[in-house]
N, C-alpha and C. Protein backbone atom coordinates (compact mmCIF):
# COMPACT_ATOMS: atom_id res chain seq x y z
N MET A 1 0.84 -1.18 0.00
CA MET A 1 0.00 0.00 0.00
C MET A 1 0.88 1.24 0.00
N LYS A 2 0.57 2.17 -0.85
CA LYS A 2 1.34 3.40 -0.94
C LYS A 2 1.07 4.27 0.27
N SER A 3 2.15 4.72 0.91
CA SER A 3 1.99 5.61 2.06
C SER A 3 2.04 7.06 1.58
N LYS A 4 1.44 7.93 2.36
CA LYS A 4 1.50 9.36 2.04
C LYS A 4 2.89 9.86 2.43
N LEU A 5 3.52 10.59 1.53
CA LEU A 5 4.86 11.08 1.76
C LEU A 5 4.87 12.05 2.94
N LYS A 6 5.70 11.72 3.92
CA LYS A 6 5.85 12.58 5.09
C LYS A 6 7.32 12.95 5.16
N GLU A 7 7.63 14.20 4.91
CA GLU A 7 9.02 14.60 4.86
C GLU A 7 9.34 15.66 5.90
N GLN A 8 10.60 15.69 6.29
CA GLN A 8 11.14 16.74 7.15
C GLN A 8 12.38 17.27 6.45
N PHE A 9 12.56 18.57 6.52
CA PHE A 9 13.71 19.17 5.85
C PHE A 9 14.78 19.56 6.87
N ILE A 10 16.02 19.38 6.48
CA ILE A 10 17.15 19.83 7.26
C ILE A 10 17.65 21.10 6.58
N THR A 11 17.76 22.16 7.35
CA THR A 11 18.15 23.44 6.79
C THR A 11 19.49 23.89 7.34
N ASP A 12 20.14 24.76 6.59
CA ASP A 12 21.39 25.34 7.08
C ASP A 12 21.08 26.56 7.95
N ALA A 13 22.11 27.24 8.39
CA ALA A 13 21.95 28.39 9.29
C ALA A 13 21.13 29.52 8.66
N LYS A 14 21.10 29.58 7.34
CA LYS A 14 20.34 30.63 6.64
C LYS A 14 18.91 30.19 6.30
N GLY A 15 18.57 28.97 6.68
CA GLY A 15 17.22 28.48 6.42
C GLY A 15 17.03 27.82 5.07
N HIS A 16 18.12 27.62 4.31
CA HIS A 16 18.03 26.94 3.01
C HIS A 16 17.93 25.43 3.22
N LYS A 17 17.03 24.81 2.51
CA LYS A 17 16.87 23.35 2.61
C LYS A 17 18.11 22.68 2.04
N ARG A 18 18.69 21.78 2.80
CA ARG A 18 19.91 21.08 2.38
C ARG A 18 19.74 19.56 2.32
N ALA A 19 18.76 19.04 3.00
CA ALA A 19 18.53 17.59 3.00
C ALA A 19 17.07 17.34 3.36
N VAL A 20 16.64 16.12 3.11
CA VAL A 20 15.27 15.75 3.46
C VAL A 20 15.30 14.39 4.15
N VAL A 21 14.42 14.23 5.10
CA VAL A 21 14.25 12.96 5.81
C VAL A 21 12.82 12.52 5.55
N ILE A 22 12.65 11.26 5.11
CA ILE A 22 11.31 10.71 4.88
C ILE A 22 11.17 9.44 5.69
N ASP A 23 9.92 9.07 5.99
CA ASP A 23 9.70 7.84 6.74
C ASP A 23 10.04 6.63 5.86
N ILE A 24 10.32 5.53 6.50
CA ILE A 24 10.83 4.35 5.79
C ILE A 24 9.82 3.80 4.78
N ASP A 25 8.52 3.85 5.09
CA ASP A 25 7.52 3.35 4.15
C ASP A 25 7.50 4.19 2.88
N SER A 26 7.61 5.50 3.03
CA SER A 26 7.67 6.38 1.86
C SER A 26 8.92 6.11 1.05
N TYR A 27 10.02 5.86 1.72
CA TYR A 27 11.28 5.55 1.03
C TYR A 27 11.11 4.29 0.18
N TYR A 28 10.57 3.23 0.77
CA TYR A 28 10.39 1.99 0.01
C TYR A 28 9.42 2.17 -1.15
N ASP A 29 8.36 2.96 -0.94
CA ASP A 29 7.43 3.25 -2.04
C ASP A 29 8.13 3.98 -3.18
N LEU A 30 8.95 4.97 -2.84
CA LEU A 30 9.70 5.71 -3.86
C LEU A 30 10.67 4.80 -4.61
N MET A 31 11.36 3.93 -3.89
CA MET A 31 12.31 3.02 -4.53
C MET A 31 11.59 2.05 -5.47
N GLU A 32 10.39 1.62 -5.09
CA GLU A 32 9.60 0.75 -5.97
C GLU A 32 9.21 1.50 -7.24
N ASP A 33 8.80 2.76 -7.08
CA ASP A 33 8.45 3.58 -8.25
C ASP A 33 9.66 3.78 -9.16
N VAL A 34 10.83 4.02 -8.59
CA VAL A 34 12.05 4.20 -9.37
C VAL A 34 12.36 2.92 -10.15
N ALA A 35 12.22 1.77 -9.49
CA ALA A 35 12.47 0.48 -10.16
C ALA A 35 11.49 0.28 -11.32
N ASP A 36 10.22 0.61 -11.10
CA ASP A 36 9.21 0.49 -12.16
C ASP A 36 9.55 1.39 -13.34
N LEU A 37 9.95 2.63 -13.06
CA LEU A 37 10.31 3.56 -14.13
C LEU A 37 11.53 3.09 -14.90
N ARG A 38 12.48 2.45 -14.21
CA ARG A 38 13.65 1.92 -14.90
C ARG A 38 13.24 0.84 -15.89
N VAL A 39 12.34 -0.04 -15.48
CA VAL A 39 11.86 -1.11 -16.37
C VAL A 39 11.16 -0.50 -17.58
N VAL A 40 10.32 0.50 -17.36
CA VAL A 40 9.63 1.17 -18.48
C VAL A 40 10.65 1.76 -19.44
N ALA A 41 11.66 2.44 -18.91
CA ALA A 41 12.68 3.05 -19.77
C ALA A 41 13.45 2.00 -20.54
N GLU A 42 13.77 0.88 -19.89
CA GLU A 42 14.52 -0.19 -20.57
C GLU A 42 13.71 -0.81 -21.70
N ARG A 43 12.40 -0.84 -21.55
CA ARG A 43 11.53 -1.49 -22.54
C ARG A 43 10.96 -0.52 -23.56
N LYS A 44 11.38 0.73 -23.50
CA LYS A 44 10.83 1.77 -24.37
C LYS A 44 10.89 1.41 -25.85
N ASN A 45 11.98 0.79 -26.26
CA ASN A 45 12.17 0.49 -27.68
C ASN A 45 11.79 -0.94 -28.06
N ASN A 46 11.17 -1.67 -27.14
CA ASN A 46 10.71 -3.02 -27.47
C ASN A 46 9.60 -2.94 -28.50
N PRO A 47 9.43 -3.99 -29.31
CA PRO A 47 8.34 -3.98 -30.29
C PRO A 47 6.99 -3.90 -29.59
N LYS A 48 6.05 -3.23 -30.22
CA LYS A 48 4.70 -3.06 -29.67
C LYS A 48 3.74 -4.00 -30.40
N TYR A 49 2.86 -4.63 -29.64
CA TYR A 49 1.87 -5.54 -30.21
C TYR A 49 0.50 -5.17 -29.69
N SER A 50 -0.51 -5.36 -30.53
CA SER A 50 -1.88 -5.13 -30.09
C SER A 50 -2.30 -6.26 -29.15
N SER A 51 -3.31 -6.00 -28.34
CA SER A 51 -3.81 -7.05 -27.44
C SER A 51 -4.35 -8.23 -28.24
N THR A 52 -4.95 -7.96 -29.40
CA THR A 52 -5.46 -9.04 -30.26
C THR A 52 -4.31 -9.93 -30.72
N HIS A 53 -3.22 -9.33 -31.15
CA HIS A 53 -2.05 -10.09 -31.59
C HIS A 53 -1.50 -10.92 -30.43
N PHE A 54 -1.45 -10.33 -29.25
CA PHE A 54 -0.92 -11.01 -28.08
C PHE A 54 -1.79 -12.22 -27.71
N ILE A 55 -3.10 -12.05 -27.72
CA ILE A 55 -4.01 -13.14 -27.39
C ILE A 55 -3.91 -14.26 -28.42
N LEU A 56 -3.83 -13.90 -29.71
CA LEU A 56 -3.67 -14.92 -30.75
C LEU A 56 -2.38 -15.71 -30.55
N LYS A 57 -1.32 -15.03 -30.18
CA LYS A 57 -0.04 -15.71 -29.94
C LYS A 57 -0.15 -16.66 -28.74
N LEU A 58 -0.84 -16.25 -27.69
CA LEU A 58 -1.03 -17.12 -26.52
C LEU A 58 -1.84 -18.34 -26.90
N LYS A 59 -2.88 -18.14 -27.72
CA LYS A 59 -3.71 -19.27 -28.15
C LYS A 59 -2.89 -20.21 -29.03
N LYS A 60 -2.08 -19.66 -29.93
CA LYS A 60 -1.25 -20.49 -30.81
C LYS A 60 -0.27 -21.34 -30.03
N ASN A 61 0.23 -20.80 -28.93
CA ASN A 61 1.18 -21.54 -28.10
C ASN A 61 0.52 -22.40 -27.03
N GLY A 62 -0.83 -22.49 -27.07
CA GLY A 62 -1.57 -23.35 -26.14
C GLY A 62 -1.64 -22.83 -24.73
N ILE A 63 -1.36 -21.57 -24.54
CA ILE A 63 -1.41 -20.99 -23.19
C ILE A 63 -2.85 -20.61 -22.83
N LEU A 64 -3.61 -20.20 -23.84
CA LEU A 64 -5.04 -19.89 -23.63
C LEU A 64 -5.91 -20.91 -24.32
């Protein structure tokens, strides 16, 4: 389940944000999103098939 991002900022003496602290559940959710985006980027240039073509291929191979 995706948690709501809860962050705290660490600031320098002038009040400029220099770092952020997030709860562990939000961290894991973000890392999962990053991993998903990496897979999408890696598959960007893969051939595209219609769902009809995909279903026909599954039927031809006896999967459906």
